[in-house]
Amino acid sequence: EGEGEEVQGWVLTPPDMEAGESYP
């Protein structure tokens, strides 16, 4: 939700992302 409007986006994660780790 933006300001009264639904907004579409995407999230791309690192290909070698490890469970339990956090990333910038």
mmCIF file of all heavy atoms, coordinates in Angstrom:
data_MODEL
# 
_entry.id   MODEL 
# 
loop_
_atom_site.group_PDB 
_atom_site.id 
_atom_site.type_symbol 
_atom_site.label_atom_id 
_atom_site.label_alt_id 
_atom_site.label_comp_id 
_atom_site.label_asym_id 
_atom_site.label_entity_id 
_atom_site.label_seq_id 
_atom_site.pdbx_PDB_ins_code 
_atom_site.Cartn_x 
_atom_site.Cartn_y 
_atom_site.Cartn_z 
_atom_site.occupancy 
_atom_site.B_iso_or_equiv 
_atom_site.pdbx_formal_charge 
_atom_site.auth_seq_id 
_atom_site.auth_comp_id 
_atom_site.auth_asym_id 
_atom_site.auth_atom_id 
_atom_site.pdbx_PDB_model_num 
ATOM 1   N N   . GLU A 1 1  ? 0.823  -1.188  0.000   1.00 0.00 ? 1  GLU A N   1 
ATOM 2   C CA  . GLU A 1 1  ? 0.000  0.000   0.000   1.00 0.00 ? 1  GLU A CA  1 
ATOM 3   C C   . GLU A 1 1  ? 0.866  1.250   0.000   1.00 0.00 ? 1  GLU A C   1 
ATOM 4   O O   . GLU A 1 1  ? 1.697  1.442   0.887   1.00 0.00 ? 1  GLU A O   1 
ATOM 5   C CB  . GLU A 1 1  ? -0.931 0.019   1.210   1.00 0.00 ? 1  GLU A CB  1 
ATOM 6   C CG  . GLU A 1 1  ? -2.117 -0.913  1.091   1.00 0.00 ? 1  GLU A CG  1 
ATOM 7   C CD  . GLU A 1 1  ? -3.024 -0.570  -0.093  1.00 0.00 ? 1  GLU A CD  1 
ATOM 8   O OE1 . GLU A 1 1  ? -3.339 0.628   -0.262  1.00 0.00 ? 1  GLU A OE1 1 
ATOM 9   O OE2 . GLU A 1 1  ? -3.392 -1.489  -0.846  1.00 0.00 ? 1  GLU A OE2 1 
ATOM 10  N N   . GLY A 1 2  ? 0.688  2.070   -1.020  1.00 0.00 ? 2  GLY A N   1 
ATOM 11  C CA  . GLY A 1 2  ? 1.294  3.389   -1.018  1.00 0.00 ? 2  GLY A CA  1 
ATOM 12  C C   . GLY A 1 2  ? 0.384  4.316   -0.236  1.00 0.00 ? 2  GLY A C   1 
ATOM 13  O O   . GLY A 1 2  ? -0.064 3.987   0.861   1.00 0.00 ? 2  GLY A O   1 
ATOM 14  N N   . GLU A 1 3  ? 0.066  5.447   -0.798  1.00 0.00 ? 3  GLU A N   1 
ATOM 15  C CA  . GLU A 1 3  ? -0.868 6.375   -0.151  1.00 0.00 ? 3  GLU A CA  1 
ATOM 16  C C   . GLU A 1 3  ? -2.228 6.229   -0.817  1.00 0.00 ? 3  GLU A C   1 
ATOM 17  O O   . GLU A 1 3  ? -2.580 6.960   -1.733  1.00 0.00 ? 3  GLU A O   1 
ATOM 18  C CB  . GLU A 1 3  ? -0.358 7.809   -0.259  1.00 0.00 ? 3  GLU A CB  1 
ATOM 19  C CG  . GLU A 1 3  ? -1.134 8.792   0.607   1.00 0.00 ? 3  GLU A CG  1 
ATOM 20  C CD  . GLU A 1 3  ? -0.542 10.186  0.521   1.00 0.00 ? 3  GLU A CD  1 
ATOM 21  O OE1 . GLU A 1 3  ? -0.517 10.755  -0.584  1.00 0.00 ? 3  GLU A OE1 1 
ATOM 22  O OE2 . GLU A 1 3  ? -0.084 10.683  1.560   1.00 0.00 ? 3  GLU A OE2 1 
ATOM 23  N N   . GLY A 1 4  ? -2.980 5.233   -0.356  1.00 0.00 ? 4  GLY A N   1 
ATOM 24  C CA  . GLY A 1 4  ? -4.300 4.991   -0.920  1.00 0.00 ? 4  GLY A CA  1 
ATOM 25  C C   . GLY A 1 4  ? -4.292 4.226   -2.220  1.00 0.00 ? 4  GLY A C   1 
ATOM 26  O O   . GLY A 1 4  ? -5.347 4.030   -2.831  1.00 0.00 ? 4  GLY A O   1 
ATOM 27  N N   . GLU A 1 5  ? -3.146 3.785   -2.673  1.00 0.00 ? 5  GLU A N   1 
ATOM 28  C CA  . GLU A 1 5  ? -3.029 3.031   -3.924  1.00 0.00 ? 5  GLU A CA  1 
ATOM 29  C C   . GLU A 1 5  ? -2.136 1.821   -3.716  1.00 0.00 ? 5  GLU A C   1 
ATOM 30  O O   . GLU A 1 5  ? -1.123 1.896   -3.022  1.00 0.00 ? 5  GLU A O   1 
ATOM 31  C CB  . GLU A 1 5  ? -2.415 3.903   -5.026  1.00 0.00 ? 5  GLU A CB  1 
ATOM 32  C CG  . GLU A 1 5  ? -3.277 5.045   -5.504  1.00 0.00 ? 5  GLU A CG  1 
ATOM 33  C CD  . GLU A 1 5  ? -4.243 4.629   -6.595  1.00 0.00 ? 5  GLU A CD  1 
ATOM 34  O OE1 . GLU A 1 5  ? -4.257 3.429   -6.950  1.00 0.00 ? 5  GLU A OE1 1 
ATOM 35  O OE2 . GLU A 1 5  ? -4.982 5.496   -7.085  1.00 0.00 ? 5  GLU A OE2 1 
ATOM 36  N N   . GLU A 1 6  ? -2.509 0.686   -4.304  1.00 0.00 ? 6  GLU A N   1 
ATOM 37  C CA  . GLU A 1 6  ? -1.617 -0.467  -4.303  1.00 0.00 ? 6  GLU A CA  1 
ATOM 38  C C   . GLU A 1 6  ? -0.487 -0.208  -5.287  1.00 0.00 ? 6  GLU A C   1 
ATOM 39  O O   . GLU A 1 6  ? -0.703 0.285   -6.397  1.00 0.00 ? 6  GLU A O   1 
ATOM 40  C CB  . GLU A 1 6  ? -2.377 -1.726  -4.699  1.00 0.00 ? 6  GLU A CB  1 
ATOM 41  C CG  . GLU A 1 6  ? -1.507 -2.979  -4.642  1.00 0.00 ? 6  GLU A CG  1 
ATOM 42  C CD  . GLU A 1 6  ? -2.247 -4.233  -5.077  1.00 0.00 ? 6  GLU A CD  1 
ATOM 43  O OE1 . GLU A 1 6  ? -2.526 -4.348  -6.292  1.00 0.00 ? 6  GLU A OE1 1 
ATOM 44  O OE2 . GLU A 1 6  ? -2.546 -5.066  -4.214  1.00 0.00 ? 6  GLU A OE2 1 
ATOM 45  N N   . VAL A 1 7  ? 0.730  -0.525  -4.869  1.00 0.00 ? 7  VAL A N   1 
ATOM 46  C CA  . VAL A 1 7  ? 1.913  -0.323  -5.695  1.00 0.00 ? 7  VAL A CA  1 
ATOM 47  C C   . VAL A 1 7  ? 2.590  -1.670  -5.920  1.00 0.00 ? 7  VAL A C   1 
ATOM 48  O O   . VAL A 1 7  ? 2.688  -2.487  -4.997  1.00 0.00 ? 7  VAL A O   1 
ATOM 49  C CB  . VAL A 1 7  ? 2.889  0.670   -5.033  1.00 0.00 ? 7  VAL A CB  1 
ATOM 50  C CG1 . VAL A 1 7  ? 4.145  0.837   -5.882  1.00 0.00 ? 7  VAL A CG1 1 
ATOM 51  C CG2 . VAL A 1 7  ? 2.214  2.027   -4.823  1.00 0.00 ? 7  VAL A CG2 1 
ATOM 52  N N   . GLN A 1 8  ? 3.058  -1.901  -7.145  1.00 0.00 ? 8  GLN A N   1 
ATOM 53  C CA  . GLN A 1 8  ? 3.719  -3.157  -7.515  1.00 0.00 ? 8  GLN A CA  1 
ATOM 54  C C   . GLN A 1 8  ? 5.226  -2.971  -7.496  1.00 0.00 ? 8  GLN A C   1 
ATOM 55  O O   . GLN A 1 8  ? 5.755  -1.958  -7.964  1.00 0.00 ? 8  GLN A O   1 
ATOM 56  C CB  . GLN A 1 8  ? 3.272  -3.583  -8.912  1.00 0.00 ? 8  GLN A CB  1 
ATOM 57  C CG  . GLN A 1 8  ? 3.881  -4.902  -9.403  1.00 0.00 ? 8  GLN A CG  1 
ATOM 58  C CD  . GLN A 1 8  ? 3.503  -5.202  -10.849 1.00 0.00 ? 8  GLN A CD  1 
ATOM 59  O OE1 . GLN A 1 8  ? 3.303  -4.288  -11.639 1.00 0.00 ? 8  GLN A OE1 1 
ATOM 60  N NE2 . GLN A 1 8  ? 3.396  -6.474  -11.185 1.00 0.00 ? 8  GLN A NE2 1 
ATOM 61  N N   . GLY A 1 9  ? 5.912  -3.965  -6.939  1.00 0.00 ? 9  GLY A N   1 
ATOM 62  C CA  . GLY A 1 9  ? 7.367  -3.943  -6.943  1.00 0.00 ? 9  GLY A CA  1 
ATOM 63  C C   . GLY A 1 9  ? 7.927  -5.349  -6.990  1.00 0.00 ? 9  GLY A C   1 
ATOM 64  O O   . GLY A 1 9  ? 7.181  -6.337  -7.096  1.00 0.00 ? 9  GLY A O   1 
ATOM 65  N N   . TRP A 1 10 ? 9.249  -5.445  -6.891  1.00 0.00 ? 10 TRP A N   1 
ATOM 66  C CA  . TRP A 1 10 ? 9.915  -6.742  -6.945  1.00 0.00 ? 10 TRP A CA  1 
ATOM 67  C C   . TRP A 1 10 ? 11.112 -6.754  -6.003  1.00 0.00 ? 10 TRP A C   1 
ATOM 68  O O   . TRP A 1 10 ? 11.737 -5.707  -5.744  1.00 0.00 ? 10 TRP A O   1 
ATOM 69  C CB  . TRP A 1 10 ? 10.393 -7.045  -8.367  1.00 0.00 ? 10 TRP A CB  1 
ATOM 70  C CG  . TRP A 1 10 ? 9.268  -7.243  -9.332  1.00 0.00 ? 10 TRP A CG  1 
ATOM 71  C CD1 . TRP A 1 10 ? 8.656  -8.407  -9.668  1.00 0.00 ? 10 TRP A CD1 1 
ATOM 72  C CD2 . TRP A 1 10 ? 8.611  -6.209  -10.076 1.00 0.00 ? 10 TRP A CD2 1 
ATOM 73  N NE1 . TRP A 1 10 ? 7.661  -8.168  -10.580 1.00 0.00 ? 10 TRP A NE1 1 
ATOM 74  C CE2 . TRP A 1 10 ? 7.598  -6.828  -10.840 1.00 0.00 ? 10 TRP A CE2 1 
ATOM 75  C CE3 . TRP A 1 10 ? 8.766  -4.827  -10.156 1.00 0.00 ? 10 TRP A CE3 1 
ATOM 76  C CZ2 . TRP A 1 10 ? 6.759  -6.114  -11.682 1.00 0.00 ? 10 TRP A CZ2 1 
ATOM 77  C CZ3 . TRP A 1 10 ? 7.917  -4.098  -11.000 1.00 0.00 ? 10 TRP A CZ3 1 
ATOM 78  C CH2 . TRP A 1 10 ? 6.940  -4.747  -11.749 1.00 0.00 ? 10 TRP A CH2 1 
ATOM 79  N N   . VAL A 1 11 ? 11.452 -7.943  -5.530  1.00 0.00 ? 11 VAL A N   1 
ATOM 80  C CA  . VAL A 1 11 ? 12.614 -8.140  -4.672  1.00 0.00 ? 11 VAL A CA  1 
ATOM 81  C C   . VAL A 1 11 ? 13.476 -9.229  -5.293  1.00 0.00 ? 11 VAL A C   1 
ATOM 82  O O   . VAL A 1 11 ? 12.990 -10.310 -5.639  1.00 0.00 ? 11 VAL A O   1 
ATOM 83  C CB  . VAL A 1 11 ? 12.205 -8.558  -3.249  1.00 0.00 ? 11 VAL A CB  1 
ATOM 84  C CG1 . VAL A 1 11 ? 13.437 -8.832  -2.402  1.00 0.00 ? 11 VAL A CG1 1 
ATOM 85  C CG2 . VAL A 1 11 ? 11.351 -7.474  -2.601  1.00 0.00 ? 11 VAL A CG2 1 
ATOM 86  N N   . LEU A 1 12 ? 14.769 -8.921  -5.455  1.00 0.00 ? 12 LEU A N   1 
ATOM 87  C CA  . LEU A 1 12 ? 15.736 -9.884  -5.981  1.00 0.00 ? 12 LEU A CA  1 
ATOM 88  C C   . LEU A 1 12 ? 16.763 -10.157 -4.903  1.00 0.00 ? 12 LEU A C   1 
ATOM 89  O O   . LEU A 1 12 ? 17.371 -9.225  -4.366  1.00 0.00 ? 12 LEU A O   1 
ATOM 90  C CB  . LEU A 1 12 ? 16.406 -9.309  -7.228  1.00 0.00 ? 12 LEU A CB  1 
ATOM 91  C CG  . LEU A 1 12 ? 17.412 -10.203 -7.963  1.00 0.00 ? 12 LEU A CG  1 
ATOM 92  C CD1 . LEU A 1 12 ? 16.700 -11.411 -8.566  1.00 0.00 ? 12 LEU A CD1 1 
ATOM 93  C CD2 . LEU A 1 12 ? 18.136 -9.410  -9.051  1.00 0.00 ? 12 LEU A CD2 1 
ATOM 94  N N   . THR A 1 13 ? 16.950 -11.409 -4.557  1.00 0.00 ? 13 THR A N   1 
ATOM 95  C CA  . THR A 1 13 ? 17.878 -11.768 -3.485  1.00 0.00 ? 13 THR A CA  1 
ATOM 96  C C   . THR A 1 13 ? 19.170 -12.345 -4.061  1.00 0.00 ? 13 THR A C   1 
ATOM 97  O O   . THR A 1 13 ? 19.204 -12.817 -5.206  1.00 0.00 ? 13 THR A O   1 
ATOM 98  C CB  . THR A 1 13 ? 17.238 -12.798 -2.542  1.00 0.00 ? 13 THR A CB  1 
ATOM 99  O OG1 . THR A 1 13 ? 16.819 -13.947 -3.308  1.00 0.00 ? 13 THR A OG1 1 
ATOM 100 C CG2 . THR A 1 13 ? 16.033 -12.208 -1.829  1.00 0.00 ? 13 THR A CG2 1 
ATOM 101 N N   . PRO A 1 14 ? 20.259 -12.319 -3.286  1.00 0.00 ? 14 PRO A N   1 
ATOM 102 C CA  . PRO A 1 14 ? 21.522 -12.898 -3.764  1.00 0.00 ? 14 PRO A CA  1 
ATOM 103 C C   . PRO A 1 14 ? 21.366 -14.364 -4.136  1.00 0.00 ? 14 PRO A C   1 
ATOM 104 O O   . PRO A 1 14 ? 20.645 -15.112 -3.454  1.00 0.00 ? 14 PRO A O   1 
ATOM 105 C CB  . PRO A 1 14 ? 22.461 -12.719 -2.561  1.00 0.00 ? 14 PRO A CB  1 
ATOM 106 C CG  . PRO A 1 14 ? 21.898 -11.558 -1.813  1.00 0.00 ? 14 PRO A CG  1 
ATOM 107 C CD  . PRO A 1 14 ? 20.405 -11.671 -1.967  1.00 0.00 ? 14 PRO A CD  1 
ATOM 108 N N   . PRO A 1 15 ? 22.019 -14.805 -5.198  1.00 0.00 ? 15 PRO A N   1 
ATOM 109 C CA  . PRO A 1 15 ? 21.858 -16.199 -5.642  1.00 0.00 ? 15 PRO A CA  1 
ATOM 110 C C   . PRO A 1 15 ? 22.385 -17.214 -4.636  1.00 0.00 ? 15 PRO A C   1 
ATOM 111 O O   . PRO A 1 15 ? 21.932 -18.362 -4.631  1.00 0.00 ? 15 PRO A O   1 
ATOM 112 C CB  . PRO A 1 15 ? 22.644 -16.250 -6.960  1.00 0.00 ? 15 PRO A CB  1 
ATOM 113 C CG  . PRO A 1 15 ? 23.585 -15.094 -6.900  1.00 0.00 ? 15 PRO A CG  1 
ATOM 114 C CD  . PRO A 1 15 ? 22.899 -14.043 -6.104  1.00 0.00 ? 15 PRO A CD  1 
ATOM 115 N N   . ASP A 1 16 ? 23.344 -16.813 -3.796  1.00 0.00 ? 16 ASP A N   1 
ATOM 116 C CA  . ASP A 1 16 ? 23.907 -17.741 -2.812  1.00 0.00 ? 16 ASP A CA  1 
ATOM 117 C C   . ASP A 1 16 ? 23.482 -17.361 -1.398  1.00 0.00 ? 16 ASP A C   1 
ATOM 118 O O   . ASP A 1 16 ? 24.226 -17.553 -0.441  1.00 0.00 ? 16 ASP A O   1 
ATOM 119 C CB  . ASP A 1 16 ? 25.434 -17.777 -2.922  1.00 0.00 ? 16 ASP A CB  1 
ATOM 120 C CG  . ASP A 1 16 ? 26.038 -16.371 -2.839  1.00 0.00 ? 16 ASP A CG  1 
ATOM 121 O OD1 . ASP A 1 16 ? 25.274 -15.399 -2.733  1.00 0.00 ? 16 ASP A OD1 1 
ATOM 122 O OD2 . ASP A 1 16 ? 27.286 -16.264 -2.895  1.00 0.00 ? 16 ASP A OD2 1 
ATOM 123 N N   . MET A 1 17 ? 22.282 -16.804 -1.259  1.00 0.00 ? 17 MET A N   1 
ATOM 124 C CA  . MET A 1 17 ? 21.792 -16.366 0.041   1.00 0.00 ? 17 MET A CA  1 
ATOM 125 C C   . MET A 1 17 ? 21.691 -17.546 0.998   1.00 0.00 ? 17 MET A C   1 
ATOM 126 O O   . MET A 1 17 ? 21.193 -18.618 0.637   1.00 0.00 ? 17 MET A O   1 
ATOM 127 C CB  . MET A 1 17 ? 20.424 -15.700 -0.112  1.00 0.00 ? 17 MET A CB  1 
ATOM 128 C CG  . MET A 1 17 ? 19.930 -15.026 1.152   1.00 0.00 ? 17 MET A CG  1 
ATOM 129 S SD  . MET A 1 17 ? 18.450 -14.019 0.872   1.00 0.00 ? 17 MET A SD  1 
ATOM 130 C CE  . MET A 1 17 ? 17.223 -15.302 0.604   1.00 0.00 ? 17 MET A CE  1 
ATOM 131 N N   . GLU A 1 18 ? 22.168 -17.343 2.210   1.00 0.00 ? 18 GLU A N   1 
ATOM 132 C CA  . GLU A 1 18 ? 22.174 -18.395 3.214   1.00 0.00 ? 18 GLU A CA  1 
ATOM 133 C C   . GLU A 1 18 ? 21.101 -18.141 4.260   1.00 0.00 ? 18 GLU A C   1 
ATOM 134 O O   . GLU A 1 18 ? 20.869 -17.000 4.678   1.00 0.00 ? 18 GLU A O   1 
ATOM 135 C CB  . GLU A 1 18 ? 23.545 -18.469 3.893   1.00 0.00 ? 18 GLU A CB  1 
ATOM 136 C CG  . GLU A 1 18 ? 24.679 -18.820 2.946   1.00 0.00 ? 18 GLU A CG  1 
ATOM 137 C CD  . GLU A 1 18 ? 26.015 -18.893 3.658   1.00 0.00 ? 18 GLU A CD  1 
ATOM 138 O OE1 . GLU A 1 18 ? 26.023 -18.830 4.908   1.00 0.00 ? 18 GLU A OE1 1 
ATOM 139 O OE2 . GLU A 1 18 ? 27.046 -19.004 2.968   1.00 0.00 ? 18 GLU A OE2 1 
ATOM 140 N N   . ALA A 1 19 ? 20.451 -19.194 4.702   1.00 0.00 ? 19 ALA A N   1 
ATOM 141 C CA  . ALA A 1 19 ? 19.411 -19.089 5.724   1.00 0.00 ? 19 ALA A CA  1 
ATOM 142 C C   . ALA A 1 19 ? 20.007 -18.532 7.016   1.00 0.00 ? 19 ALA A C   1 
ATOM 143 O O   . ALA A 1 19 ? 21.112 -18.896 7.418   1.00 0.00 ? 19 ALA A O   1 
ATOM 144 C CB  . ALA A 1 19 ? 18.787 -20.457 5.979   1.00 0.00 ? 19 ALA A CB  1 
ATOM 145 N N   . GLY A 1 20 ? 19.269 -17.629 7.640   1.00 0.00 ? 20 GLY A N   1 
ATOM 146 C CA  . GLY A 1 20 ? 19.711 -17.056 8.902   1.00 0.00 ? 20 GLY A CA  1 
ATOM 147 C C   . GLY A 1 20 ? 20.615 -15.854 8.766   1.00 0.00 ? 20 GLY A C   1 
ATOM 148 O O   . GLY A 1 20 ? 20.906 -15.180 9.761   1.00 0.00 ? 20 GLY A O   1 
ATOM 149 N N   . GLU A 1 21 ? 21.096 -15.563 7.554   1.00 0.00 ? 21 GLU A N   1 
ATOM 150 C CA  . GLU A 1 21 ? 21.958 -14.406 7.324   1.00 0.00 ? 21 GLU A CA  1 
ATOM 151 C C   . GLU A 1 21 ? 21.120 -13.209 6.875   1.00 0.00 ? 21 GLU A C   1 
ATOM 152 O O   . GLU A 1 21 ? 20.028 -13.361 6.332   1.00 0.00 ? 21 GLU A O   1 
ATOM 153 C CB  . GLU A 1 21 ? 23.008 -14.730 6.263   1.00 0.00 ? 21 GLU A CB  1 
ATOM 154 C CG  . GLU A 1 21 ? 23.992 -15.810 6.663   1.00 0.00 ? 21 GLU A CG  1 
ATOM 155 C CD  . GLU A 1 21 ? 24.903 -15.369 7.802   1.00 0.00 ? 21 GLU A CD  1 
ATOM 156 O OE1 . GLU A 1 21 ? 25.192 -14.147 7.885   1.00 0.00 ? 21 GLU A OE1 1 
ATOM 157 O OE2 . GLU A 1 21 ? 25.299 -16.218 8.603   1.00 0.00 ? 21 GLU A OE2 1 
ATOM 158 N N   . SER A 1 22 ? 21.630 -12.018 7.101   1.00 0.00 ? 22 SER A N   1 
ATOM 159 C CA  . SER A 1 22 ? 20.967 -10.809 6.618   1.00 0.00 ? 22 SER A CA  1 
ATOM 160 C C   . SER A 1 22 ? 21.875 -10.105 5.621   1.00 0.00 ? 22 SER A C   1 
ATOM 161 O O   . SER A 1 22 ? 23.104 -10.253 5.667   1.00 0.00 ? 22 SER A O   1 
ATOM 162 C CB  . SER A 1 22 ? 20.618 -9.869  7.774   1.00 0.00 ? 22 SER A CB  1 
ATOM 163 O OG  . SER A 1 22 ? 21.793 -9.398  8.418   1.00 0.00 ? 22 SER A OG  1 
ATOM 164 N N   . TYR A 1 23 ? 21.259 -9.314  4.740   1.00 0.00 ? 23 TYR A N   1 
ATOM 165 C CA  . TYR A 1 23 ? 21.978 -8.702  3.625   1.00 0.00 ? 23 TYR A CA  1 
ATOM 166 C C   . TYR A 1 23 ? 21.574 -7.235  3.478   1.00 0.00 ? 23 TYR A C   1 
ATOM 167 O O   . TYR A 1 23 ? 20.439 -6.855  3.782   1.00 0.00 ? 23 TYR A O   1 
ATOM 168 C CB  . TYR A 1 23 ? 21.676 -9.458  2.328   1.00 0.00 ? 23 TYR A CB  1 
ATOM 169 C CG  . TYR A 1 23 ? 22.131 -10.895 2.373   1.00 0.00 ? 23 TYR A CG  1 
ATOM 170 C CD1 . TYR A 1 23 ? 21.321 -11.889 2.941   1.00 0.00 ? 23 TYR A CD1 1 
ATOM 171 C CD2 . TYR A 1 23 ? 23.383 -11.267 1.889   1.00 0.00 ? 23 TYR A CD2 1 
ATOM 172 C CE1 . TYR A 1 23 ? 21.743 -13.209 3.009   1.00 0.00 ? 23 TYR A CE1 1 
ATOM 173 C CE2 . TYR A 1 23 ? 23.814 -12.579 1.949   1.00 0.00 ? 23 TYR A CE2 1 
ATOM 174 C CZ  . TYR A 1 23 ? 22.997 -13.547 2.516   1.00 0.00 ? 23 TYR A CZ  1 
ATOM 175 O OH  . TYR A 1 23 ? 23.424 -14.844 2.588   1.00 0.00 ? 23 TYR A OH  1 
ATOM 176 N N   . PRO A 1 24 ? 22.482 -6.403  2.995   1.00 0.00 ? 24 PRO A N   1 
ATOM 177 C CA  . PRO A 1 24 ? 22.143 -4.999  2.755   1.00 0.00 ? 24 PRO A CA  1 
ATOM 178 C C   . PRO A 1 24 ? 21.149 -4.871  1.604   1.00 0.00 ? 24 PRO A C   1 
ATOM 179 O O   . PRO A 1 24 ? 21.046 -5.763  0.748   1.00 0.00 ? 24 PRO A O   1 
ATOM 180 C CB  . PRO A 1 24 ? 23.489 -4.363  2.407   1.00 0.00 ? 24 PRO A CB  1 
ATOM 181 C CG  . PRO A 1 24 ? 24.322 -5.485  1.883   1.00 0.00 ? 24 PRO A CG  1 
ATOM 182 C CD  . PRO A 1 24 ? 23.886 -6.711  2.638   1.00 0.00 ? 24 PRO A CD  1 
# 
